[in-house]
C-alpha cells in the first residue's frame, strides 16, 4: 500500500469498460467520482472503452480507483496493465483478481483449503447439463464460469430446462458451471483492508421477490429487501464473517471485496458462492449499505478504498 497524498495525487476513476456490466460500472464510477471530488480529491473519469490505458501515464494519473465490473475490469487484465504502468490501483492484485472471477478455479482453491462451497460440475453440452442434474439434484444452478451480476444464470427446476440454461450460460462464456442449489438464507459480506487488518462489515441478508435475486432485481427495482441488522440466529453472523475473511485470504485478496453466501435452511451450514473483487458502488449496491451500518459514510468508504490502492510489484 502506498501512502495517499490528497494535495499531490491525481486519481483516475476507471468506469464503463467493455464488459456486459458496462452500464452498472458507469453508475458505480459516477458515484465514486462525485464522492471523491466532494472530499477535495483531484479525481477524473476514465473509460477504458473510450481511451487507451497508456493515457493514464501520459496524463499524469498517480492512482486508480477501479470501478469496472466483470471481464476486462476485475479479471486481472486491467490490474496487469496498471502494474506495467507502475500505477497503484484499488482492489486485489493480478492473480487474486483473475482467480476470483473464475468460479471454477475459486471453488477448487476453497475446497482445497477446506472451505465450504456448493457441489459443482463443469459441463460442455446440454446433455452433460442434464447428467449434472441427476448428480446435483433439482433445482440446480447453471451459470457461466466467468461472469458477474448473475448474468447468464438460470435456476433450473426441470430436466427439460437444462438445454436452454446451458445455451444461455455458454453465450456468456465457453466454460459452464452447474452448481448444487442451496435452499435457505442468502447473505452478502463486504471486507475492507488487507492481511491481518482485513475486517468483515455487517452481514446483509437479501430477500428478493420469489427468491430471485437476478440482474434486474439487483440494480433496477426496489422490491428486493436488504436486512441489516441481518436478523440471523445468535452467533451465526460472527461465524459467517470469519468464514468470509478466510475465503478472502485464501484467494490472496487485498483492499476490499464482497462475498456471497447461502445458508442451508435445514443445517444452518453456510456455503461460499463467489467473491467479487470490484464490488458495485451504485445506489442499490451492498458494500455502501454494509459500510453505512458500520458507521462509514459513502464518501468515507470511497476514500478508504482509494487509500488502500497498491501494486503487486514495485520496480
C-alpha atoms as a PDB file:
ATOM      1  CA  UNK A   1       0.000   0.000   0.000  1.00  0.00           C
ATOM      2  CA  UNK A   2       1.330   3.425  -0.947  1.00  0.00           C
ATOM      3  CA  UNK A   3       0.600   6.465   1.224  1.00  0.00           C
ATOM      4  CA  UNK A   4      -2.060   8.751  -0.237  1.00  0.00           C
ATOM      5  CA  UNK A   5      -1.330  12.479  -0.510  1.00  0.00           C
ATOM      6  CA  UNK A   6      -4.542  14.431  -1.089  1.00  0.00           C
ATOM      7  CA  UNK A   7      -2.673  17.529  -2.267  1.00  0.00           C
ATOM      8  CA  UNK A   8      -0.451  15.993  -4.930  1.00  0.00           C
ATOM      9  CA  UNK A   9      -2.196  12.893  -6.259  1.00  0.00           C
ATOM     10  CA  UNK A  10      -4.235  12.757  -9.446  1.00  0.00           C
ATOM     11  CA  UNK A  11      -6.793   9.959  -9.387  1.00  0.00           C
ATOM     12  CA  UNK A  12      -8.458   8.199 -12.319  1.00  0.00           C
ATOM     13  CA  UNK A  13     -11.795   6.546 -11.609  1.00  0.00           C
ATOM     14  CA  UNK A  14     -11.933   3.707 -14.122  1.00  0.00           C
ATOM     15  CA  UNK A  15     -15.535   3.108 -15.203  1.00  0.00           C
ATOM     16  CA  UNK A  16     -17.525   1.778 -18.122  1.00  0.00           C
ATOM     17  CA  UNK A  17     -15.215  -0.575 -19.951  1.00  0.00           C
ATOM     18  CA  UNK A  18     -16.151  -3.292 -22.415  1.00  0.00           C
ATOM     19  CA  UNK A  19     -17.847  -5.935 -20.257  1.00  0.00           C
ATOM     20  CA  UNK A  20     -21.512  -6.929 -20.104  1.00  0.00           C
ATOM     21  CA  UNK A  21     -21.693  -4.911 -16.880  1.00  0.00           C
ATOM     22  CA  UNK A  22     -20.733  -1.606 -18.515  1.00  0.00           C
ATOM     23  CA  UNK A  23     -23.987   0.134 -17.569  1.00  0.00           C
ATOM     24  CA  UNK A  24     -23.656  -0.738 -13.884  1.00  0.00           C
ATOM     25  CA  UNK A  25     -19.975   0.210 -13.919  1.00  0.00           C
ATOM     26  CA  UNK A  26     -20.825   3.686 -15.201  1.00  0.00           C
ATOM     27  CA  UNK A  27     -23.266   4.111 -12.313  1.00  0.00           C
ATOM     28  CA  UNK A  28     -20.694   2.868  -9.788  1.00  0.00           C
ATOM     29  CA  UNK A  29     -17.924   5.036 -11.176  1.00  0.00           C
ATOM     30  CA  UNK A  30     -20.055   8.175 -11.304  1.00  0.00           C
ATOM     31  CA  UNK A  31     -20.949   7.761  -7.633  1.00  0.00           C
ATOM     32  CA  UNK A  32     -17.329   7.190  -6.624  1.00  0.00           C
ATOM     33  CA  UNK A  33     -16.100  10.144  -8.683  1.00  0.00           C
ATOM     34  CA  UNK A  34     -18.623  12.534  -7.155  1.00  0.00           C
ATOM     35  CA  UNK A  35     -17.804  11.300  -3.641  1.00  0.00           C
ATOM     36  CA  UNK A  36     -14.043  11.685  -4.065  1.00  0.00           C
ATOM     37  CA  UNK A  37     -14.382  15.137  -5.602  1.00  0.00           C
ATOM     38  CA  UNK A  38     -16.617  16.193  -2.679  1.00  0.00           C
ATOM     39  CA  UNK A  39     -13.681  15.387  -0.376  1.00  0.00           C
ATOM     40  CA  UNK A  40     -11.286  17.518  -2.396  1.00  0.00           C
ATOM     41  CA  UNK A  41      -9.608  14.649  -4.268  1.00  0.00           C
ATOM     42  CA  UNK A  42      -8.283  15.590  -7.716  1.00  0.00           C
ATOM     43  CA  UNK A  43     -10.217  12.827  -9.474  1.00  0.00           C
ATOM     44  CA  UNK A  44     -11.388  12.409 -13.066  1.00  0.00           C
ATOM     45  CA  UNK A  45     -13.447   9.950 -15.104  1.00  0.00           C
ATOM     46  CA  UNK A  46     -11.560   7.466 -17.289  1.00  0.00           C
ATOM     47  CA  UNK A  47     -13.347   4.940 -19.528  1.00  0.00           C
ATOM     48  CA  UNK A  48     -11.004   2.249 -20.957  1.00  0.00           C
ATOM     49  CA  UNK A  49     -13.519   1.601 -23.725  1.00  0.00           C
ATOM     50  CA  UNK A  50     -13.009   5.157 -24.958  1.00  0.00           C
ATOM     51  CA  UNK A  51      -9.335   5.809 -24.159  1.00  0.00           C
ATOM     52  CA  UNK A  52      -6.065   3.903 -24.254  1.00  0.00           C
ATOM     53  CA  UNK A  53      -4.797   2.914 -20.821  1.00  0.00           C
ATOM     54  CA  UNK A  54      -1.427   4.414 -21.790  1.00  0.00           C
ATOM     55  CA  UNK A  55      -3.125   7.812 -21.474  1.00  0.00           C
ATOM     56  CA  UNK A  56      -3.172   7.284 -17.707  1.00  0.00           C
ATOM     57  CA  UNK A  57       0.583   7.727 -17.618  1.00  0.00           C
ATOM     58  CA  UNK A  58       0.607  10.488 -20.230  1.00  0.00           C
ATOM     59  CA  UNK A  59      -1.999  12.469 -18.307  1.00  0.00           C
ATOM     60  CA  UNK A  60      -0.135  12.165 -15.022  1.00  0.00           C
ATOM     61  CA  UNK A  61      -2.538   9.979 -13.049  1.00  0.00           C
ATOM     62  CA  UNK A  62      -0.853   8.630  -9.930  1.00  0.00           C
ATOM     63  CA  UNK A  63      -3.560   6.307  -8.608  1.00  0.00           C
ATOM     64  CA  UNK A  64      -6.601   4.441  -9.973  1.00  0.00           C
ATOM     65  CA  UNK A  65      -9.919   3.596  -8.357  1.00  0.00           C
ATOM     66  CA  UNK A  66     -11.194   0.583 -10.302  1.00  0.00           C
ATOM     67  CA  UNK A  67     -14.979   0.835 -10.635  1.00  0.00           C
ATOM     68  CA  UNK A  68     -15.022  -1.576 -13.581  1.00  0.00           C
ATOM     69  CA  UNK A  69     -17.082  -4.749 -13.227  1.00  0.00           C
ATOM     70  CA  UNK A  70     -16.804  -8.147 -14.900  1.00  0.00           C
ATOM     71  CA  UNK A  71     -14.363  -9.146 -17.592  1.00  0.00           C
ATOM     72  CA  UNK A  72     -11.692  -6.612 -18.629  1.00  0.00           C
ATOM     73  CA  UNK A  73     -12.180  -4.924 -15.258  1.00  0.00           C
ATOM     74  CA  UNK A  74     -11.921  -7.289 -12.321  1.00  0.00           C
ATOM     75  CA  UNK A  75     -10.324 -10.294 -14.029  1.00  0.00           C
ATOM     76  CA  UNK A  76      -6.661  -9.310 -13.692  1.00  0.00           C
ATOM     77  CA  UNK A  77      -6.269  -7.771 -17.150  1.00  0.00           C
ATOM     78  CA  UNK A  78      -6.558  -4.102 -16.162  1.00  0.00           C
ATOM     79  CA  UNK A  79      -4.627  -4.873 -12.986  1.00  0.00           C
ATOM     80  CA  UNK A  80      -1.769  -6.270 -15.063  1.00  0.00           C
ATOM     81  CA  UNK A  81      -1.725  -3.201 -17.288  1.00  0.00           C
ATOM     82  CA  UNK A  82      -1.592  -0.914 -14.256  1.00  0.00           C
ATOM     83  CA  UNK A  83       1.289  -2.977 -12.833  1.00  0.00           C
ATOM     84  CA  UNK A  84       3.240  -2.362 -16.041  1.00  0.00           C
ATOM     85  CA  UNK A  85       2.392   1.342 -15.909  1.00  0.00           C
ATOM     86  CA  UNK A  86       3.509   1.491 -12.283  1.00  0.00           C
ATOM     87  CA  UNK A  87       0.217   2.984 -11.064  1.00  0.00           C
ATOM     88  CA  UNK A  88      -1.278   1.792  -7.724  1.00  0.00           C
ATOM     89  CA  UNK A  89      -4.882   0.600  -8.013  1.00  0.00           C
ATOM     90  CA  UNK A  90      -7.720  -0.411  -5.732  1.00  0.00           C
ATOM     91  CA  UNK A  91      -8.746  -3.977  -5.006  1.00  0.00           C
ATOM     92  CA  UNK A  92      -6.903  -7.287  -5.237  1.00  0.00           C
ATOM     93  CA  UNK A  93      -3.898  -7.786  -7.479  1.00  0.00           C
ATOM     94  CA  UNK A  94      -3.457  -9.609 -10.780  1.00  0.00           C
ATOM     95  CA  UNK A  95      -3.555 -13.213  -9.583  1.00  0.00           C
ATOM     96  CA  UNK A  96      -6.288 -12.817  -6.964  1.00  0.00           C
ATOM     97  CA  UNK A  97      -8.477 -10.914  -9.437  1.00  0.00           C
ATOM     98  CA  UNK A  98      -8.042 -13.486 -12.205  1.00  0.00           C
ATOM     99  CA  UNK A  99      -8.800 -16.356  -9.821  1.00  0.00           C
ATOM    100  CA  UNK A 100     -11.792 -14.739  -8.128  1.00  0.00           C
ATOM    101  CA  UNK A 101     -13.654 -14.039 -11.367  1.00  0.00           C
ATOM    102  CA  UNK A 102     -13.245 -17.697 -12.367  1.00  0.00           C
ATOM    103  CA  UNK A 103     -15.885 -19.547 -10.343  1.00  0.00           C
ATOM    104  CA  UNK A 104     -14.367 -22.943 -11.126  1.00  0.00           C
ATOM    105  CA  UNK A 105     -10.865 -22.011 -10.003  1.00  0.00           C
ATOM    106  CA  UNK A 106     -12.248 -20.259  -6.932  1.00  0.00           C
ATOM    107  CA  UNK A 107     -14.117 -23.403  -5.929  1.00  0.00           C
ATOM    108  CA  UNK A 108     -11.037 -25.588  -6.399  1.00  0.00           C
ATOM    109  CA  UNK A 109      -8.993 -23.341  -4.101  1.00  0.00           C
ATOM    110  CA  UNK A 110     -11.694 -23.014  -1.458  1.00  0.00           C
ATOM    111  CA  UNK A 111     -12.280 -26.758  -1.445  1.00  0.00           C
ATOM    112  CA  UNK A 112      -8.522 -27.393  -1.161  1.00  0.00           C
ATOM    113  CA  UNK A 113      -8.435 -25.050   1.844  1.00  0.00           C
ATOM    114  CA  UNK A 114     -11.349 -26.860   3.471  1.00  0.00           C
ATOM    115  CA  UNK A 115     -13.859 -24.045   2.969  1.00  0.00           C
ATOM    116  CA  UNK A 116     -17.497 -24.969   2.228  1.00  0.00           C
ATOM    117  CA  UNK A 117     -18.863 -24.297  -1.241  1.00  0.00           C
ATOM    118  CA  UNK A 118     -21.780 -25.992  -3.058  1.00  0.00           C
ATOM    119  CA  UNK A 119     -21.005 -29.113  -5.101  1.00  0.00           C
ATOM    120  CA  UNK A 120     -20.494 -28.455  -8.819  1.00  0.00           C
ATOM    121  CA  UNK A 121     -19.841 -29.943 -12.222  1.00  0.00           C
ATOM    122  CA  UNK A 122     -18.222 -28.344 -15.273  1.00  0.00           C
ATOM    123  CA  UNK A 123     -20.312 -29.091 -18.373  1.00  0.00           C
ATOM    124  CA  UNK A 124     -19.803 -28.684 -22.104  1.00  0.00           C
ATOM    125  CA  UNK A 125     -23.209 -29.596 -23.547  1.00  0.00           C
ATOM    126  CA  UNK A 126     -26.924 -29.731 -22.825  1.00  0.00           C
ATOM    127  CA  UNK A 127     -26.613 -33.485 -22.367  1.00  0.00           C
ATOM    128  CA  UNK A 128     -23.870 -33.009 -19.757  1.00  0.00           C
ATOM    129  CA  UNK A 129     -26.073 -30.422 -18.024  1.00  0.00           C
ATOM    130  CA  UNK A 130     -28.880 -32.965 -17.736  1.00  0.00           C
ATOM    131  CA  UNK A 131     -26.416 -35.528 -16.364  1.00  0.00           C
ATOM    132  CA  UNK A 132     -25.216 -32.962 -13.808  1.00  0.00           C
ATOM    133  CA  UNK A 133     -28.763 -32.504 -12.571  1.00  0.00           C
ATOM    134  CA  UNK A 134     -29.003 -36.234 -11.891  1.00  0.00           C
ATOM    135  CA  UNK A 135     -25.944 -35.876  -9.627  1.00  0.00           C
ATOM    136  CA  UNK A 136     -26.520 -32.474  -8.039  1.00  0.00           C
ATOM    137  CA  UNK A 137     -30.283 -32.634  -7.631  1.00  0.00           C
ATOM    138  CA  UNK A 138     -33.176 -30.426  -8.649  1.00  0.00           C
ATOM    139  CA  UNK A 139     -33.399 -27.465  -8.638  1.00  0.00           C
ATOM    140  CA  UNK A 140     -29.874 -26.660  -9.833  1.00  0.00           C
ATOM    141  CA  UNK A 141     -27.987 -23.502 -10.774  1.00  0.00           C
ATOM    142  CA  UNK A 142     -26.455 -23.190 -14.256  1.00  0.00           C
ATOM    143  CA  UNK A 143     -24.117 -20.248 -14.883  1.00  0.00           C
ATOM    144  CA  UNK A 144     -21.082 -19.135 -16.883  1.00  0.00           C
ATOM    145  CA  UNK A 145     -17.753 -19.691 -15.141  1.00  0.00           C
ATOM    146  CA  UNK A 146     -16.587 -16.115 -15.789  1.00  0.00           C
ATOM    147  CA  UNK A 147     -19.316 -13.504 -15.479  1.00  0.00           C
ATOM    148  CA  UNK A 148     -20.803 -11.363 -12.740  1.00  0.00           C
ATOM    149  CA  UNK A 149     -24.097  -9.859 -11.575  1.00  0.00           C
ATOM    150  CA  UNK A 150     -25.918 -13.184 -12.159  1.00  0.00           C
ATOM    151  CA  UNK A 151     -25.645 -12.611 -15.932  1.00  0.00           C
ATOM    152  CA  UNK A 152     -26.317 -15.860 -17.772  1.00  0.00           C
ATOM    153  CA  UNK A 153     -27.518 -17.596 -14.610  1.00  0.00           C
ATOM    154  CA  UNK A 154     -30.560 -19.888 -14.554  1.00  0.00           C
ATOM    155  CA  UNK A 155     -32.213 -21.730 -11.692  1.00  0.00           C
ATOM    156  CA  UNK A 156     -33.226 -24.959 -13.413  1.00  0.00           C
ATOM    157  CA  UNK A 157     -36.290 -26.646 -11.913  1.00  0.00           C
ATOM    158  CA  UNK A 158     -36.903 -29.360 -14.522  1.00  0.00           C
ATOM    159  CA  UNK A 159     -34.784 -31.512 -16.827  1.00  0.00           C
ATOM    160  CA  UNK A 160     -36.358 -30.001 -19.938  1.00  0.00           C
ATOM    161  CA  UNK A 161     -34.948 -26.583 -18.936  1.00  0.00           C
ATOM    162  CA  UNK A 162     -31.338 -27.770 -18.994  1.00  0.00           C
ATOM    163  CA  UNK A 163     -30.689 -27.208 -22.691  1.00  0.00           C
ATOM    164  CA  UNK A 164     -31.844 -23.562 -22.688  1.00  0.00           C
ATOM    165  CA  UNK A 165     -29.933 -22.877 -19.459  1.00  0.00           C
ATOM    166  CA  UNK A 166     -26.738 -24.299 -20.951  1.00  0.00           C
ATOM    167  CA  UNK A 167     -27.107 -22.263 -24.171  1.00  0.00           C
ATOM    168  CA  UNK A 168     -27.651 -19.044 -22.195  1.00  0.00           C
ATOM    169  CA  UNK A 169     -24.641 -19.610 -19.937  1.00  0.00           C
ATOM    170  CA  UNK A 170     -22.432 -20.664 -22.866  1.00  0.00           C
ATOM    171  CA  UNK A 171     -23.353 -17.469 -24.724  1.00  0.00           C
ATOM    172  CA  UNK A 172     -21.625 -15.551 -21.912  1.00  0.00           C
ATOM    173  CA  UNK A 173     -18.539 -17.753 -21.553  1.00  0.00           C
ATOM    174  CA  UNK A 174     -17.334 -21.024 -23.077  1.00  0.00           C
ATOM    175  CA  UNK A 175     -16.971 -22.674 -19.667  1.00  0.00           C
ATOM    176  CA  UNK A 176     -20.270 -23.505 -17.966  1.00  0.00           C
ATOM    177  CA  UNK A 177     -20.795 -24.466 -14.354  1.00  0.00           C
ATOM    178  CA  UNK A 178     -23.642 -26.478 -12.822  1.00  0.00           C
ATOM    179  CA  UNK A 179     -23.959 -25.925  -9.079  1.00  0.00           C
ATOM    180  CA  UNK A 180     -25.917 -27.564  -6.286  1.00  0.00           C
ATOM    181  CA  UNK A 181     -28.799 -25.320  -5.204  1.00  0.00           C
ATOM    182  CA  UNK A 182     -28.748 -24.394  -1.526  1.00  0.00           C
ATOM    183  CA  UNK A 183     -32.202 -23.522  -0.186  1.00  0.00           C
ATOM    184  CA  UNK A 184     -32.088 -21.008   2.648  1.00  0.00           C
ATOM    185  CA  UNK A 185     -30.958 -17.517   3.569  1.00  0.00           C
ATOM    186  CA  UNK A 186     -28.928 -15.521   1.052  1.00  0.00           C
ATOM    187  CA  UNK A 187     -26.390 -13.149   2.594  1.00  0.00           C
ATOM    188  CA  UNK A 188     -23.522 -10.982   1.447  1.00  0.00           C
ATOM    189  CA  UNK A 189     -20.494  -9.778   3.372  1.00  0.00           C
ATOM    190  CA  UNK A 190     -18.089  -6.974   2.485  1.00  0.00           C
ATOM    191  CA  UNK A 191     -14.434  -6.995   3.534  1.00  0.00           C
ATOM    192  CA  UNK A 192     -12.215  -3.918   3.898  1.00  0.00           C
ATOM    193  CA  UNK A 193      -8.458  -3.970   4.415  1.00  0.00           C
ATOM    194  CA  UNK A 194      -5.631  -6.403   3.825  1.00  0.00           C
ATOM    195  CA  UNK A 195      -3.899  -9.233   5.634  1.00  0.00           C
ATOM    196  CA  UNK A 196      -4.343  -9.316   9.401  1.00  0.00           C
ATOM    197  CA  UNK A 197      -6.014  -5.869   9.271  1.00  0.00           C
ATOM    198  CA  UNK A 198      -8.827  -7.039   6.984  1.00  0.00           C
ATOM    199  CA  UNK A 199     -12.248  -6.828   8.625  1.00  0.00           C
ATOM    200  CA  UNK A 200     -15.686  -8.028   7.656  1.00  0.00           C
ATOM    201  CA  UNK A 201     -18.514  -5.495   7.681  1.00  0.00           C
ATOM    202  CA  UNK A 202     -22.009  -6.328   8.985  1.00  0.00           C
ATOM    203  CA  UNK A 203     -23.780  -9.187   7.212  1.00  0.00           C
ATOM    204  CA  UNK A 204     -26.632  -8.193   4.889  1.00  0.00           C
ATOM    205  CA  UNK A 205     -29.481 -10.666   4.367  1.00  0.00           C
ATOM    206  CA  UNK A 206     -31.112 -10.445   0.938  1.00  0.00           C
ATOM    207  CA  UNK A 207     -34.815 -11.146   0.480  1.00  0.00           C
ATOM    208  CA  UNK A 208     -35.629 -10.990  -3.234  1.00  0.00           C
ATOM    209  CA  UNK A 209     -39.048 -11.416  -4.885  1.00  0.00           C
ATOM    210  CA  UNK A 210     -39.731 -15.170  -5.059  1.00  0.00           C
ATOM    211  CA  UNK A 211     -36.100 -15.693  -4.073  1.00  0.00           C
ATOM    212  CA  UNK A 212     -34.985 -14.439  -7.486  1.00  0.00           C
ATOM    213  CA  UNK A 213     -32.028 -12.093  -6.921  1.00  0.00           C
ATOM    214  CA  UNK A 214     -31.295 -11.569 -10.618  1.00  0.00           C
ATOM    215  CA  UNK A 215     -29.695  -8.697 -12.569  1.00  0.00           C
ATOM    216  CA  UNK A 216     -32.953  -6.719 -12.731  1.00  0.00           C
ATOM    217  CA  UNK A 217     -33.715  -7.117  -9.022  1.00  0.00           C
ATOM    218  CA  UNK A 218     -30.118  -6.228  -8.136  1.00  0.00           C
ATOM    219  CA  UNK A 219     -29.902  -2.892  -9.887  1.00  0.00           C
ATOM    220  CA  UNK A 220     -33.168  -1.656 -11.326  1.00  0.00           C
ATOM    221  CA  UNK A 221     -36.050  -2.401  -8.915  1.00  0.00           C
ATOM    222  CA  UNK A 222     -36.867  -1.508  -5.335  1.00  0.00           C
ATOM    223  CA  UNK A 223     -38.686  -4.726  -4.435  1.00  0.00           C
ATOM    224  CA  UNK A 224     -35.679  -6.587  -3.008  1.00  0.00           C
ATOM    225  CA  UNK A 225     -35.257  -6.248   0.765  1.00  0.00           C
ATOM    226  CA  UNK A 226     -31.811  -5.801   2.317  1.00  0.00           C
ATOM    227  CA  UNK A 227     -31.812  -6.568   6.025  1.00  0.00           C
ATOM    228  CA  UNK A 228     -29.057  -5.090   8.178  1.00  0.00           C
ATOM    229  CA  UNK A 229     -29.000  -5.986  11.012  1.00  0.00           C
ATOM    230  CA  UNK A 230     -29.415  -9.311   9.259  1.00  0.00           C
ATOM    231  CA  UNK A 231     -31.533 -10.984  11.946  1.00  0.00           C
ATOM    232  CA  UNK A 232     -29.626 -14.271  11.837  1.00  0.00           C
ATOM    233  CA  UNK A 233     -29.570 -16.541  14.911  1.00  0.00           C
ATOM    234  CA  UNK A 234     -27.116 -15.588  17.641  1.00  0.00           C
ATOM    235  CA  UNK A 235     -23.516 -16.420  16.744  1.00  0.00           C
ATOM    236  CA  UNK A 236     -24.178 -17.065  13.035  1.00  0.00           C
ATOM    237  CA  UNK A 237     -23.222 -13.584  11.840  1.00  0.00           C
ATOM    238  CA  UNK A 238     -19.801 -13.697  13.530  1.00  0.00           C
ATOM    239  CA  UNK A 239     -19.143 -17.210  12.213  1.00  0.00           C
ATOM    240  CA  UNK A 240     -20.018 -16.174   8.652  1.00  0.00           C
ATOM    241  CA  UNK A 241     -17.830 -13.082   8.898  1.00  0.00           C
ATOM    242  CA  UNK A 242     -14.893 -15.280   9.941  1.00  0.00           C
ATOM    243  CA  UNK A 243     -15.602 -17.698   7.093  1.00  0.00           C
ATOM    244  CA  UNK A 244     -15.587 -14.853   4.560  1.00  0.00           C
ATOM    245  CA  UNK A 245     -12.305 -13.489   5.919  1.00  0.00           C
ATOM    246  CA  UNK A 246     -10.778 -16.952   5.412  1.00  0.00           C
ATOM    247  CA  UNK A 247     -12.169 -17.052   1.861  1.00  0.00           C
ATOM    248  CA  UNK A 248     -10.791 -13.545   1.163  1.00  0.00           C
ATOM    249  CA  UNK A 249      -7.314 -14.508   2.354  1.00  0.00           C
ATOM    250  CA  UNK A 250      -7.467 -17.928   0.676  1.00  0.00           C
ATOM    251  CA  UNK A 251      -7.571 -16.254  -2.747  1.00  0.00           C
ATOM    252  CA  UNK A 252      -4.912 -13.695  -1.810  1.00  0.00           C
ATOM    253  CA  UNK A 253      -7.292 -10.730  -1.904  1.00  0.00           C
ATOM    254  CA  UNK A 254      -6.442  -7.294  -0.558  1.00  0.00           C
ATOM    255  CA  UNK A 255      -8.053  -3.868  -0.263  1.00  0.00           C
ATOM    256  CA  UNK A 256     -11.702  -4.795  -0.480  1.00  0.00           C
ATOM    257  CA  UNK A 257     -14.143  -7.366  -1.836  1.00  0.00           C
ATOM    258  CA  UNK A 258     -17.632  -8.730  -1.252  1.00  0.00           C
ATOM    259  CA  UNK A 259     -18.562 -12.394  -0.825  1.00  0.00           C
ATOM    260  CA  UNK A 260     -21.922 -14.051  -1.476  1.00  0.00           C
ATOM    261  CA  UNK A 261     -23.006 -16.865   0.845  1.00  0.00           C
ATOM    262  CA  UNK A 262     -26.006 -19.206   1.075  1.00  0.00           C
ATOM    263  CA  UNK A 263     -27.062 -20.673   4.423  1.00  0.00           C
ATOM    264  CA  UNK A 264     -28.728 -24.087   4.272  1.00  0.00           C
ATOM    265  CA  UNK A 265     -32.142 -23.683   5.915  1.00  0.00           C
ATOM    266  CA  UNK A 266     -32.083 -27.182   7.415  1.00  0.00           C
ATOM    267  CA  UNK A 267     -28.499 -27.452   8.688  1.00  0.00           C
ATOM    268  CA  UNK A 268     -27.587 -23.720   9.018  1.00  0.00           C
ATOM    269  CA  UNK A 269     -24.326 -24.549   7.223  1.00  0.00           C
ATOM    270  CA  UNK A 270     -23.040 -21.525   5.238  1.00  0.00           C
ATOM    271  CA  UNK A 271     -21.738 -22.147   1.711  1.00  0.00           C
ATOM    272  CA  UNK A 272     -19.474 -19.743  -0.176  1.00  0.00           C
ATOM    273  CA  UNK A 273     -20.757 -18.942  -3.673  1.00  0.00           C
ATOM    274  CA  UNK A 274     -18.275 -16.404  -5.045  1.00  0.00           C
ATOM    275  CA  UNK A 275     -16.272 -13.313  -4.218  1.00  0.00           C
ATOM    276  CA  UNK A 276     -16.415 -10.008  -6.088  1.00  0.00           C
ATOM    277  CA  UNK A 277     -13.155  -8.081  -6.236  1.00  0.00           C
ATOM    278  CA  UNK A 278     -14.583  -4.843  -7.666  1.00  0.00           C
ATOM    279  CA  UNK A 279     -17.966  -4.580  -5.949  1.00  0.00           C
ATOM    280  CA  UNK A 280     -20.762  -2.340  -7.123  1.00  0.00           C
ATOM    281  CA  UNK A 281     -20.966   1.198  -5.755  1.00  0.00           C
ATOM    282  CA  UNK A 282     -24.398   2.210  -7.086  1.00  0.00           C
ATOM    283  CA  UNK A 283     -27.398   3.400  -5.067  1.00  0.00           C
ATOM    284  CA  UNK A 284     -28.526  -0.251  -4.885  1.00  0.00           C
ATOM    285  CA  UNK A 285     -25.095  -1.657  -4.013  1.00  0.00           C
ATOM    286  CA  UNK A 286     -24.366  -3.654  -0.905  1.00  0.00           C
ATOM    287  CA  UNK A 287     -20.877  -2.573   0.182  1.00  0.00           C
ATOM    288  CA  UNK A 288     -22.004   1.046   0.790  1.00  0.00           C
ATOM    289  CA  UNK A 289     -25.013  -0.340   2.670  1.00  0.00           C
ATOM    290  CA  UNK A 290     -22.823  -2.501   4.921  1.00  0.00           C
ATOM    291  CA  UNK A 291     -20.392   0.374   5.424  1.00  0.00           C
ATOM    292  CA  UNK A 292     -23.233   2.672   6.490  1.00  0.00           C
ATOM    293  CA  UNK A 293     -24.308   0.080   9.069  1.00  0.00           C
ATOM    294  CA  UNK A 294     -20.728   0.144  10.367  1.00  0.00           C
ATOM    295  CA  UNK A 295     -20.774   3.947  10.651  1.00  0.00           C
ATOM    296  CA  UNK A 296     -18.840   4.648   7.430  1.00  0.00           C
ATOM    297  CA  UNK A 297     -20.372   7.158   5.010  1.00  0.00           C
ATOM    298  CA  UNK A 298     -20.249   6.645   1.241  1.00  0.00           C
ATOM    299  CA  UNK A 299     -17.533   9.298   0.691  1.00  0.00           C
ATOM    300  CA  UNK A 300     -15.500   7.908   3.607  1.00  0.00           C
ATOM    301  CA  UNK A 301     -15.798   4.407   2.137  1.00  0.00           C
ATOM    302  CA  UNK A 302     -14.556   5.623  -1.257  1.00  0.00           C
ATOM    303  CA  UNK A 303     -11.601   7.367   0.379  1.00  0.00           C
ATOM    304  CA  UNK A 304     -10.705   4.310   2.491  1.00  0.00           C
ATOM    305  CA  UNK A 305     -10.723   2.082  -0.584  1.00  0.00           C
ATOM    306  CA  UNK A 306      -8.675   4.632  -2.540  1.00  0.00           C
ATOM    307  CA  UNK A 307      -6.123   4.881   0.279  1.00  0.00           C
ATOM    308  CA  UNK A 308      -5.677   1.088   0.125  1.00  0.00           C
ATOM    309  CA  UNK A 309      -4.555   1.238  -3.529  1.00  0.00           C
ATOM    310  CA  UNK A 310      -1.430  -0.817  -4.108  1.00  0.00           C
ATOM    311  CA  UNK A 311       0.546  -2.881  -6.604  1.00  0.00           C
ATOM    312  CA  UNK A 312       1.810  -6.450  -6.636  1.00  0.00           C
ATOM    313  CA  UNK A 313       5.297  -5.384  -7.660  1.00  0.00           C
ATOM    314  CA  UNK A 314       7.478  -2.342  -7.166  1.00  0.00           C
ATOM    315  CA  UNK A 315      10.249  -1.684  -9.670  1.00  0.00           C
END
